[in-house]
Amino acid sequence: MSPLEALASGSGDGQAVSRPIISITEPAIAKLLEMRAEESDAEQLGLRLAIASQPGEDFRYDLSFDEFLKAAFTDEVRSHEGADGQTIKIIVPEENVELLQDATLDYTDTQGLVIRNPNRPQAPDIEGLTNDDELSAKIETLVSSEVNPSLAAHGGFVTYMGHDGDGTAYMTMGGGCHGCSMSKMTMLEGVQTMLSDQIPEIQRVKDLTDHSTGENPFYS
């Protein structure tokens, strides 16, 4: 929905409402409206929500108030209504829509604004690795259907980066597994066993996550 369409949809004249990209809880809407009210041009402002992290990293977000009528034509703009009938528009850059779909923006007194995102970060393109062939498709299917569900109990997940064509698959770990002292053992023993047992082309799994710093240096 373009900025002009967003303006029209808030006019109450019956236009169809587009599916929300994210959900916003009542406490979050109330907090956003409270914060926006402190701005001199509050009625012209929406919340711009963008992903600030790079592919392969745990999600980091950039939240800022911005004039929704000046949003880029490709930006997606959605209106969210609070319990008191006040509305706020959420602006999402086109390139972030898929990665934010079905996320929830919440607010608590202890955590502040927090985003719960069911999606996974994109895998970066790393020189020397292949991640778009038939073997990669088989690995990604196994990761999403068996590996990550087993890690979800620990609040973690793995992201497939690619394979080297010589039997080694490369991954990073995120969430609760990232930085945990047991992460490397989990990766090399559990994940490697799953993959090698079901995908004969893969004999080894290498972890590209730097667990000591919380960053993903890949080949450094």
Protein backbone atom coordinates (compact mmCIF):
# COMPACT_ATOMS: atom_id res chain seq x y z
CA MET A 1 0.00 0.00 0.00
CA SER A 2 1.50 3.33 -1.06
CA PRO A 3 1.47 6.40 1.22
CA LEU A 4 -1.47 7.90 -0.70
CA GLU A 5 -3.40 4.64 -0.42
CA ALA A 6 -2.62 4.60 3.29
CA LEU A 7 -4.09 8.07 3.65
CA ALA A 8 -7.22 7.01 1.79
CA SER A 9 -7.65 3.87 3.88
CA GLY A 10 -7.77 5.95 7.02
CA SER A 11 -10.52 8.21 5.72
CA GLY A 12 -13.31 5.80 6.64
CA ASP A 13 -14.92 5.71 3.21
CA GLY A 14 -14.97 1.92 2.90
CA GLN A 15 -11.78 1.00 1.05
CA ALA A 16 -10.58 -2.57 1.55
CA VAL A 17 -8.08 -2.98 4.37
CA SER A 18 -4.81 -4.70 3.49
CA ARG A 19 -3.59 -7.60 5.59
CA PRO A 20 -1.39 -6.37 8.46
CA ILE A 21 2.29 -7.15 8.17
CA ILE A 22 2.83 -7.18 11.92
CA SER A 23 0.54 -7.38 14.93
CA ILE A 24 0.73 -4.70 17.61
CA THR A 25 -0.56 -5.36 21.11
CA GLU A 26 -2.74 -2.80 22.90
CA PRO A 27 0.06 -1.89 25.37
CA ALA A 28 2.43 -1.28 22.44
CA ILE A 29 -0.05 0.92 20.57
CA ALA A 30 -0.74 2.92 23.73
CA LYS A 31 3.01 3.44 24.31
CA LEU A 32 3.62 4.44 20.69
CA LEU A 33 0.78 6.95 20.79
CA GLU A 34 2.13 8.35 24.05
CA MET A 35 5.60 8.76 22.56
CA ARG A 36 4.27 10.22 19.31
CA ALA A 37 2.19 12.80 21.21
CA GLU A 38 5.43 14.41 22.39
CA GLU A 39 6.31 15.31 18.78
CA SER A 40 5.18 18.66 17.36
CA ASP A 41 3.87 17.10 14.13
CA ALA A 42 2.41 13.99 15.77
CA GLU A 43 -0.57 13.55 13.42
CA GLN A 44 1.75 13.32 10.40
CA LEU A 45 4.00 10.68 11.94
CA GLY A 46 3.98 6.93 11.64
CA LEU A 47 6.38 4.36 13.05
CA ARG A 48 9.05 3.24 10.59
CA LEU A 49 10.06 -0.33 11.38
CA ALA A 50 13.10 -1.66 9.55
CA ILE A 51 15.57 -4.51 9.98
CA ALA A 52 19.03 -3.12 10.78
CA SER A 53 20.94 -6.42 10.97
CA GLN A 54 22.80 -8.02 8.10
CA PRO A 55 22.01 -11.46 6.61
CA GLY A 56 23.29 -14.21 8.88
CA GLU A 57 23.01 -12.10 12.04
CA ASP A 58 20.31 -12.29 14.70
CA PHE A 59 17.60 -9.75 13.93
CA ARG A 60 18.20 -6.17 15.07
CA TYR A 61 15.59 -3.48 14.40
CA ASP A 62 15.47 0.24 13.76
CA LEU A 63 12.32 1.96 15.03
CA SER A 64 11.77 5.67 14.41
CA PHE A 65 8.94 8.13 13.81
CA ASP A 66 8.69 9.33 10.22
CA GLU A 67 6.18 11.27 8.10
CA PHE A 68 4.10 8.57 6.47
CA LEU A 69 3.12 10.76 3.50
CA LYS A 70 6.81 11.06 2.63
CA ALA A 71 7.37 7.31 2.70
CA ALA A 72 8.87 5.79 -0.43
CA PHE A 73 6.35 4.58 -3.01
CA THR A 74 7.59 1.01 -2.46
CA ASP A 75 7.19 1.19 1.34
CA GLU A 76 4.26 -0.71 2.85
CA VAL A 77 2.06 1.40 5.15
CA ARG A 78 -0.56 -0.10 7.48
CA SER A 79 -2.91 1.52 10.01
CA HIS A 80 -3.31 0.09 13.51
CA GLU A 81 -6.07 1.20 15.85
CA GLY A 82 -5.85 1.35 19.62
CA ALA A 83 -8.56 0.69 22.18
CA ASP A 84 -9.49 4.37 22.33
CA GLY A 85 -9.94 4.62 18.57
CA GLN A 86 -6.69 6.44 17.90
CA THR A 87 -4.62 5.07 15.04
CA ILE A 88 -0.97 4.91 14.15
CA LYS A 89 0.53 3.97 10.80
CA ILE A 90 3.37 1.48 10.54
CA ILE A 91 5.85 1.96 7.69
CA VAL A 92 7.83 -1.09 6.56
CA PRO A 93 10.46 -0.93 3.78
CA GLU A 94 9.63 -3.25 0.88
CA GLU A 95 12.77 -5.34 1.38
CA ASN A 96 11.81 -6.10 5.00
CA VAL A 97 8.17 -7.10 4.49
CA GLU A 98 8.73 -10.84 4.12
CA LEU A 99 11.08 -11.01 7.11
CA LEU A 100 8.62 -9.11 9.33
CA GLN A 101 5.45 -10.89 8.22
CA ASP A 102 3.44 -12.11 11.24
CA ALA A 103 5.82 -10.58 13.78
CA THR A 104 4.37 -9.02 16.94
CA LEU A 105 5.32 -5.68 18.49
CA ASP A 106 4.66 -5.67 22.23
CA TYR A 107 5.41 -3.44 25.20
CA THR A 108 6.07 -4.25 28.86
CA ASP A 109 7.27 -2.04 31.69
CA THR A 110 10.31 -4.26 32.21
CA GLN A 111 11.37 -4.84 28.59
CA GLY A 112 10.02 -1.78 26.81
CA LEU A 113 9.13 -2.26 23.14
CA VAL A 114 9.98 -5.77 21.99
CA ILE A 115 9.50 -7.56 18.66
CA ARG A 116 8.71 -11.26 18.55
CA ASN A 117 9.55 -12.47 15.08
CA PRO A 118 8.73 -16.02 13.92
CA ASN A 119 10.91 -15.62 10.82
CA ARG A 120 14.58 -16.47 10.38
CA PRO A 121 17.35 -14.13 9.19
CA GLN A 122 18.43 -14.44 5.59
CA ALA A 123 21.57 -16.43 4.91
CA PRO A 124 24.37 -14.34 3.39
CA ASP A 125 26.07 -15.23 0.15
CA ILE A 126 29.56 -16.43 1.10
CA GLU A 127 32.22 -16.83 -1.56
CA GLY A 128 33.03 -20.46 -2.20
CA LEU A 129 29.77 -21.87 -0.85
CA THR A 130 26.72 -23.05 -2.78
CA ASN A 131 23.25 -22.53 -1.33
CA ASP A 132 20.89 -22.57 -4.30
CA ASP A 133 21.16 -26.12 -5.67
CA GLU A 134 19.19 -29.33 -5.12
CA LEU A 135 21.44 -30.44 -2.26
CA SER A 136 20.90 -27.13 -0.49
CA ALA A 137 17.15 -27.53 -0.86
CA LYS A 138 17.35 -30.94 0.84
CA ILE A 139 19.47 -29.52 3.67
CA GLU A 140 17.19 -26.54 4.22
CA THR A 141 14.13 -28.80 4.31
CA LEU A 142 15.72 -30.99 6.98
CA VAL A 143 16.87 -27.96 8.97
CA SER A 144 13.39 -26.42 8.99
CA SER A 145 11.49 -29.67 9.62
CA GLU A 146 13.71 -31.43 12.17
CA VAL A 147 16.83 -29.55 13.25
CA ASN A 148 15.31 -26.22 14.24
CA PRO A 149 12.26 -27.74 15.95
CA SER A 150 14.65 -29.74 18.15
CA LEU A 151 16.64 -26.60 18.99
CA ALA A 152 13.53 -24.51 19.60
CA ALA A 153 13.17 -26.02 23.09
CA HIS A 154 16.40 -24.19 23.95
CA GLY A 155 15.26 -20.98 22.26
CA GLY A 156 17.76 -21.43 19.45
CA PHE A 157 17.98 -22.15 15.74
CA VAL A 158 20.54 -22.71 13.00
CA THR A 159 20.80 -20.91 9.68
CA TYR A 160 22.13 -22.83 6.69
CA MET A 161 24.84 -20.90 4.86
CA GLY A 162 25.84 -23.28 2.10
CA HIS A 163 28.00 -26.31 1.29
CA ASP A 164 31.45 -26.57 -0.23
CA GLY A 165 30.76 -29.44 -2.65
CA ASP A 166 33.10 -31.73 -0.70
CA GLY A 167 30.70 -33.00 1.95
CA THR A 168 30.74 -30.10 4.39
CA ALA A 169 27.70 -27.96 5.26
CA TYR A 170 28.22 -24.57 6.93
CA MET A 171 25.80 -23.01 9.40
CA THR A 172 25.49 -20.34 12.08
CA MET A 173 23.53 -20.54 15.31
CA GLY A 174 21.20 -17.91 16.71
CA GLY A 175 18.77 -17.31 19.54
CA GLY A 176 19.38 -19.18 22.78
CA CYS A 177 22.12 -21.35 21.23
CA HIS A 178 24.22 -18.34 20.18
CA GLY A 179 26.99 -17.80 22.73
CA CYS A 180 26.09 -20.88 24.79
CA SER A 181 29.03 -23.05 25.83
CA MET A 182 27.14 -26.11 24.61
CA SER A 183 26.46 -24.61 21.17
CA LYS A 184 29.46 -26.03 19.39
CA MET A 185 28.82 -29.50 20.76
CA THR A 186 25.15 -29.21 19.78
CA MET A 187 26.13 -28.19 16.26
CA LEU A 188 28.90 -30.68 15.63
CA GLU A 189 27.26 -33.70 17.25
CA GLY A 190 23.49 -33.27 17.04
CA VAL A 191 23.09 -31.37 13.79
CA GLN A 192 25.87 -33.22 12.01
CA THR A 193 24.36 -36.57 12.97
CA MET A 194 20.93 -35.54 11.70
CA LEU A 195 22.28 -34.33 8.38
CA SER A 196 24.77 -37.13 7.69
CA ASP A 197 22.25 -39.85 8.57
CA GLN A 198 19.60 -38.52 6.18
CA ILE A 199 21.67 -36.79 3.50
CA PRO A 200 24.60 -39.02 2.41
CA GLU A 201 26.24 -36.17 0.48
CA ILE A 202 26.95 -34.39 3.78
CA GLN A 203 29.51 -35.91 6.14
CA ARG A 204 30.50 -32.83 8.13
CA VAL A 205 28.93 -29.68 9.57
CA LYS A 206 31.00 -26.62 10.43
CA ASP A 207 29.80 -23.83 12.69
CA LEU A 208 30.60 -20.34 11.40
CA THR A 209 29.31 -18.58 14.53
CA ASP A 210 31.79 -16.81 16.81
CA HIS A 211 30.24 -17.75 20.15
CA SER A 212 32.73 -15.73 22.19
CA THR A 213 31.74 -12.38 20.70
CA GLY A 214 28.13 -12.94 19.70
CA GLU A 215 29.01 -12.07 16.10
CA ASN A 216 29.25 -14.10 12.91
CA PRO A 217 32.67 -13.49 11.31
CA PHE A 218 32.21 -16.39 8.87
CA TYR A 219 35.64 -17.16 7.49
CA SER A 220 37.66 -14.80 9.71
